[in-house]
Amino acid sequence: MAMDGHIHELSEKHQKLEELIETEMALPDWDEIKVAALKKEKLRIKDELERLRSSIH
């Protein structure tokens, strides 16, 4: 089903963003603006995932 593929793709993007955030914050001089933007995108994807999952059930 196409919806499942889209959900899977978004889940992978969400996980990759989490990894990017952790990597960036591990740096001694990490960029607050970059981390904030990554977190905002991660939250947007999470909201989209929840919306898609609720539309299936």
PDB file of N, CA and C in Angstrom:
ATOM      1  N   MET A   1       0.832  -1.181   0.000  1.00  0.00           N
ATOM      2  CA  MET A   1       0.000   0.000   0.000  1.00  0.00           C
ATOM      3  C   MET A   1       0.884   1.256   0.000  1.00  0.00           C
ATOM      4  N   ALA A   2       0.542   2.246  -0.776  1.00  0.00           N
ATOM      5  CA  ALA A   2       1.333   3.466  -0.915  1.00  0.00           C
ATOM      6  C   ALA A   2       1.443   4.224   0.398  1.00  0.00           C
ATOM      7  N   MET A   3       0.379   4.205   1.183  1.00  0.00           N
ATOM      8  CA  MET A   3       0.382   4.923   2.462  1.00  0.00           C
ATOM      9  C   MET A   3       1.439   4.344   3.397  1.00  0.00           C
ATOM     10  N   ASP A   4       1.538   3.011   3.435  1.00  0.00           N
ATOM     11  CA  ASP A   4       2.538   2.358   4.287  1.00  0.00           C
ATOM     12  C   ASP A   4       3.952   2.753   3.876  1.00  0.00           C
ATOM     13  N   GLY A   5       4.185   2.843   2.589  1.00  0.00           N
ATOM     14  CA  GLY A   5       5.491   3.243   2.088  1.00  0.00           C
ATOM     15  C   GLY A   5       5.827   4.670   2.491  1.00  0.00           C
ATOM     16  N   HIS A   6       4.844   5.531   2.416  1.00  0.00           N
ATOM     17  CA  HIS A   6       5.042   6.930   2.791  1.00  0.00           C
ATOM     18  C   HIS A   6       5.325   7.043   4.293  1.00  0.00           C
ATOM     19  N   ILE A   7       4.591   6.294   5.087  1.00  0.00           N
ATOM     20  CA  ILE A   7       4.803   6.296   6.538  1.00  0.00           C
ATOM     21  C   ILE A   7       6.200   5.776   6.864  1.00  0.00           C
ATOM     22  N   HIS A   8       6.607   4.728   6.180  1.00  0.00           N
ATOM     23  CA  HIS A   8       7.941   4.164   6.405  1.00  0.00           C
ATOM     24  C   HIS A   8       9.022   5.189   6.039  1.00  0.00           C
ATOM     25  N   GLU A   9       8.844   5.858   4.920  1.00  0.00           N
ATOM     26  CA  GLU A   9       9.807   6.867   4.465  1.00  0.00           C
ATOM     27  C   GLU A   9       9.907   8.010   5.485  1.00  0.00           C
ATOM     28  N   LEU A  10       8.770   8.470   5.971  1.00  0.00           N
ATOM     29  CA  LEU A  10       8.769   9.544   6.969  1.00  0.00           C
ATOM     30  C   LEU A  10       9.403   9.077   8.279  1.00  0.00           C
ATOM     31  N   SER A  11       9.167   7.841   8.657  1.00  0.00           N
ATOM     32  CA  SER A  11       9.772   7.299   9.879  1.00  0.00           C
ATOM     33  C   SER A  11      11.291   7.275   9.772  1.00  0.00           C
ATOM     34  N   GLU A  12      11.787   6.902   8.597  1.00  0.00           N
ATOM     35  CA  GLU A  12      13.231   6.894   8.380  1.00  0.00           C
ATOM     36  C   GLU A  12      13.799   8.310   8.435  1.00  0.00           C
ATOM     37  N   LYS A  13      13.105   9.267   7.828  1.00  0.00           N
ATOM     38  CA  LYS A  13      13.553  10.659   7.884  1.00  0.00           C
ATOM     39  C   LYS A  13      13.576  11.166   9.323  1.00  0.00           C
ATOM     40  N   HIS A  14      12.556  10.797  10.087  1.00  0.00           N
ATOM     41  CA  HIS A  14      12.466  11.200  11.492  1.00  0.00           C
ATOM     42  C   HIS A  14      13.670  10.655  12.268  1.00  0.00           C
ATOM     43  N   GLN A  15      14.000   9.393  12.056  1.00  0.00           N
ATOM     44  CA  GLN A  15      15.139   8.770  12.740  1.00  0.00           C
ATOM     45  C   GLN A  15      16.455   9.427  12.321  1.00  0.00           C
ATOM     46  N   LYS A  16      16.612   9.717  11.047  1.00  0.00           N
ATOM     47  CA  LYS A  16      17.846  10.359  10.570  1.00  0.00           C
ATOM     48  C   LYS A  16      18.002  11.756  11.164  1.00  0.00           C
ATOM     49  N   LEU A  17      16.898  12.469  11.302  1.00  0.00           N
ATOM     50  CA  LEU A  17      16.957  13.790  11.927  1.00  0.00           C
ATOM     51  C   LEU A  17      17.379  13.667  13.386  1.00  0.00           C
ATOM     52  N   GLU A  18      16.875  12.675  14.083  1.00  0.00           N
ATOM     53  CA  GLU A  18      17.271  12.447  15.471  1.00  0.00           C
ATOM     54  C   GLU A  18      18.774  12.221  15.562  1.00  0.00           C
ATOM     55  N   GLU A  19      19.295  11.413  14.647  1.00  0.00           N
ATOM     56  CA  GLU A  19      20.728  11.138  14.626  1.00  0.00           C
ATOM     57  C   GLU A  19      21.528  12.408  14.313  1.00  0.00           C
ATOM     58  N   LEU A  20      21.048  13.216  13.374  1.00  0.00           N
ATOM     59  CA  LEU A  20      21.723  14.472  13.048  1.00  0.00           C
ATOM     60  C   LEU A  20      21.746  15.416  14.244  1.00  0.00           C
ATOM     61  N   ILE A  21      20.639  15.501  14.948  1.00  0.00           N
ATOM     62  CA  ILE A  21      20.552  16.362  16.131  1.00  0.00           C
ATOM     63  C   ILE A  21      21.556  15.898  17.188  1.00  0.00           C
ATOM     64  N   GLU A  22      21.579  14.605  17.456  1.00  0.00           N
ATOM     65  CA  GLU A  22      22.518  14.068  18.446  1.00  0.00           C
ATOM     66  C   GLU A  22      23.965  14.320  18.034  1.00  0.00           C
ATOM     67  N   THR A  23      24.269  14.129  16.762  1.00  0.00           N
ATOM     68  CA  THR A  23      25.622  14.351  16.264  1.00  0.00           C
ATOM     69  C   THR A  23      26.016  15.811  16.402  1.00  0.00           C
ATOM     70  N   GLU A  24      25.124  16.696  16.008  1.00  0.00           N
ATOM     71  CA  GLU A  24      25.405  18.129  16.083  1.00  0.00           C
ATOM     72  C   GLU A  24      25.611  18.564  17.538  1.00  0.00           C
ATOM     73  N   MET A  25      24.757  18.090  18.442  1.00  0.00           N
ATOM     74  CA  MET A  25      24.848  18.517  19.835  1.00  0.00           C
ATOM     75  C   MET A  25      26.061  17.916  20.552  1.00  0.00           C
ATOM     76  N   ALA A  26      26.654  16.896  19.975  1.00  0.00           N
ATOM     77  CA  ALA A  26      27.855  16.296  20.561  1.00  0.00           C
ATOM     78  C   ALA A  26      29.096  17.141  20.271  1.00  0.00           C
ATOM     79  N   LEU A  27      28.989  18.043  19.316  1.00  0.00           N
ATOM     80  CA  LEU A  27      30.118  18.906  18.988  1.00  0.00           C
ATOM     81  C   LEU A  27      30.291  19.965  20.079  1.00  0.00           C
ATOM     82  N   PRO A  28      31.534  20.319  20.372  1.00  0.00           N
ATOM     83  CA  PRO A  28      31.764  21.314  21.425  1.00  0.00           C
ATOM     84  C   PRO A  28      31.177  22.696  21.090  1.00  0.00           C
ATOM     85  N   ASP A  29      31.133  23.035  19.830  1.00  0.00           N
ATOM     86  CA  ASP A  29      30.614  24.353  19.423  1.00  0.00           C
ATOM     87  C   ASP A  29      29.389  24.204  18.524  1.00  0.00           C
ATOM     88  N   TRP A  30      28.428  23.377  18.987  1.00  0.00           N
ATOM     89  CA  TRP A  30      27.255  23.091  18.164  1.00  0.00           C
ATOM     90  C   TRP A  30      26.426  24.343  17.923  1.00  0.00           C
ATOM     91  N   ASP A  31      25.750  24.336  16.809  1.00  0.00           N
ATOM     92  CA  ASP A  31      24.995  25.495  16.322  1.00  0.00           C
ATOM     93  C   ASP A  31      23.538  25.405  16.790  1.00  0.00           C
ATOM     94  N   GLU A  32      23.160  26.312  17.684  1.00  0.00           N
ATOM     95  CA  GLU A  32      21.796  26.311  18.233  1.00  0.00           C
ATOM     96  C   GLU A  32      20.737  26.498  17.156  1.00  0.00           C
ATOM     97  N   ILE A  33      21.033  27.366  16.204  1.00  0.00           N
ATOM     98  CA  ILE A  33      20.061  27.645  15.139  1.00  0.00           C
ATOM     99  C   ILE A  33      19.859  26.412  14.266  1.00  0.00           C
ATOM    100  N   LYS A  34      20.946  25.733  13.949  1.00  0.00           N
ATOM    101  CA  LYS A  34      20.851  24.517  13.137  1.00  0.00           C
ATOM    102  C   LYS A  34      20.064  23.442  13.878  1.00  0.00           C
ATOM    103  N   VAL A  35      20.354  23.261  15.169  1.00  0.00           N
ATOM    104  CA  VAL A  35      19.651  22.250  15.967  1.00  0.00           C
ATOM    105  C   VAL A  35      18.170  22.601  16.074  1.00  0.00           C
ATOM    106  N   ALA A  36      17.862  23.871  16.269  1.00  0.00           N
ATOM    107  CA  ALA A  36      16.455  24.286  16.361  1.00  0.00           C
ATOM    108  C   ALA A  36      15.718  23.985  15.058  1.00  0.00           C
ATOM    109  N   ALA A  37      16.373  24.245  13.934  1.00  0.00           N
ATOM    110  CA  ALA A  37      15.749  23.968  12.633  1.00  0.00           C
ATOM    111  C   ALA A  37      15.538  22.466  12.440  1.00  0.00           C
ATOM    112  N   LEU A  38      16.521  21.665  12.842  1.00  0.00           N
ATOM    113  CA  LEU A  38      16.388  20.209  12.732  1.00  0.00           C
ATOM    114  C   LEU A  38      15.257  19.699  13.626  1.00  0.00           C
ATOM    115  N   LYS A  39      15.161  20.244  14.831  1.00  0.00           N
ATOM    116  CA  LYS A  39      14.098  19.828  15.742  1.00  0.00           C
ATOM    117  C   LYS A  39      12.725  20.222  15.208  1.00  0.00           C
ATOM    118  N   LYS A  40      12.643  21.389  14.599  1.00  0.00           N
ATOM    119  CA  LYS A  40      11.377  21.846  14.024  1.00  0.00           C
ATOM    120  C   LYS A  40      10.939  20.916  12.886  1.00  0.00           C
ATOM    121  N   GLU A  41      11.887  20.541  12.044  1.00  0.00           N
ATOM    122  CA  GLU A  41      11.579  19.617  10.941  1.00  0.00           C
ATOM    123  C   GLU A  41      11.191  18.245  11.482  1.00  0.00           C
ATOM    124  N   LYS A  42      11.890  17.789  12.523  1.00  0.00           N
ATOM    125  CA  LYS A  42      11.575  16.503  13.132  1.00  0.00           C
ATOM    126  C   LYS A  42      10.153  16.513  13.692  1.00  0.00           C
ATOM    127  N   LEU A  43       9.776  17.599  14.345  1.00  0.00           N
ATOM    128  CA  LEU A  43       8.427  17.723  14.900  1.00  0.00           C
ATOM    129  C   LEU A  43       7.377  17.756  13.789  1.00  0.00           C
ATOM    130  N   ARG A  44       7.687  18.448  12.692  1.00  0.00           N
ATOM    131  CA  ARG A  44       6.758  18.496  11.559  1.00  0.00           C
ATOM    132  C   ARG A  44       6.520  17.091  11.008  1.00  0.00           C
ATOM    133  N   ILE A  45       7.584  16.318  10.887  1.00  0.00           N
ATOM    134  CA  ILE A  45       7.468  14.951  10.381  1.00  0.00           C
ATOM    135  C   ILE A  45       6.690  14.082  11.372  1.00  0.00           C
ATOM    136  N   LYS A  46       6.952  14.258  12.672  1.00  0.00           N
ATOM    137  CA  LYS A  46       6.222  13.494  13.685  1.00  0.00           C
ATOM    138  C   LYS A  46       4.725  13.781  13.592  1.00  0.00           C
ATOM    139  N   ASP A  47       4.370  15.053  13.460  1.00  0.00           N
ATOM    140  CA  ASP A  47       2.955  15.420  13.341  1.00  0.00           C
ATOM    141  C   ASP A  47       2.326  14.798  12.094  1.00  0.00           C
ATOM    142  N   GLU A  48       3.071  14.805  10.996  1.00  0.00           N
ATOM    143  CA  GLU A  48       2.577  14.206   9.753  1.00  0.00           C
ATOM    144  C   GLU A  48       2.390  12.699   9.927  1.00  0.00           C
ATOM    145  N   LEU A  49       3.343  12.048  10.582  1.00  0.00           N
ATOM    146  CA  LEU A  49       3.227  10.608  10.841  1.00  0.00           C
ATOM    147  C   LEU A  49       1.988  10.297  11.675  1.00  0.00           C
ATOM    148  N   GLU A  50       1.776  11.066  12.721  1.00  0.00           N
ATOM    149  CA  GLU A  50       0.606  10.841  13.564  1.00  0.00           C
ATOM    150  C   GLU A  50      -0.688  11.045  12.787  1.00  0.00           C
ATOM    151  N   ARG A  51      -0.716  12.070  11.943  1.00  0.00           N
ATOM    152  CA  ARG A  51      -1.904  12.331  11.135  1.00  0.00           C
ATOM    153  C   ARG A  51      -2.168  11.167  10.180  1.00  0.00           C
ATOM    154  N   LEU A  52      -1.122  10.684   9.523  1.00  0.00           N
ATOM    155  CA  LEU A  52      -1.283   9.577   8.584  1.00  0.00           C
ATOM    156  C   LEU A  52      -1.703   8.295   9.290  1.00  0.00           C
ATOM    157  N   ARG A  53      -1.063   8.012  10.415  1.00  0.00           N
ATOM    158  CA  ARG A  53      -1.400   6.795  11.159  1.00  0.00           C
ATOM    159  C   ARG A  53      -2.840   6.834  11.670  1.00  0.00           C
ATOM    160  N   SER A  54      -3.289   7.998  12.115  1.00  0.00           N
ATOM    161  CA  SER A  54      -4.666   8.082  12.616  1.00  0.00           C
ATOM    162  C   SER A  54      -5.680   7.979  11.485  1.00  0.00           C
ATOM    163  N   SER A  55      -5.297   8.364  10.280  1.00  0.00           N
ATOM    164  CA  SER A  55      -6.227   8.269   9.154  1.00  0.00           C
ATOM    165  C   SER A  55      -6.385   6.826   8.679  1.00  0.00           C
ATOM    166  N   ILE A  56      -5.418   5.981   9.001  1.00  0.00           N
ATOM    167  CA  ILE A  56      -5.493   4.573   8.624  1.00  0.00           C
ATOM    168  C   ILE A  56      -6.447   3.825   9.540  1.00  0.00           C
ATOM    169  N   HIS A  57      -6.436   4.168  10.825  1.00  0.00           N
ATOM    170  CA  HIS A  57      -7.226   3.439  11.830  1.00  0.00           C
ATOM    171  C   HIS A  57      -8.578   3.991  11.988  1.00  0.00           C
TER     172      HIS A  57
END
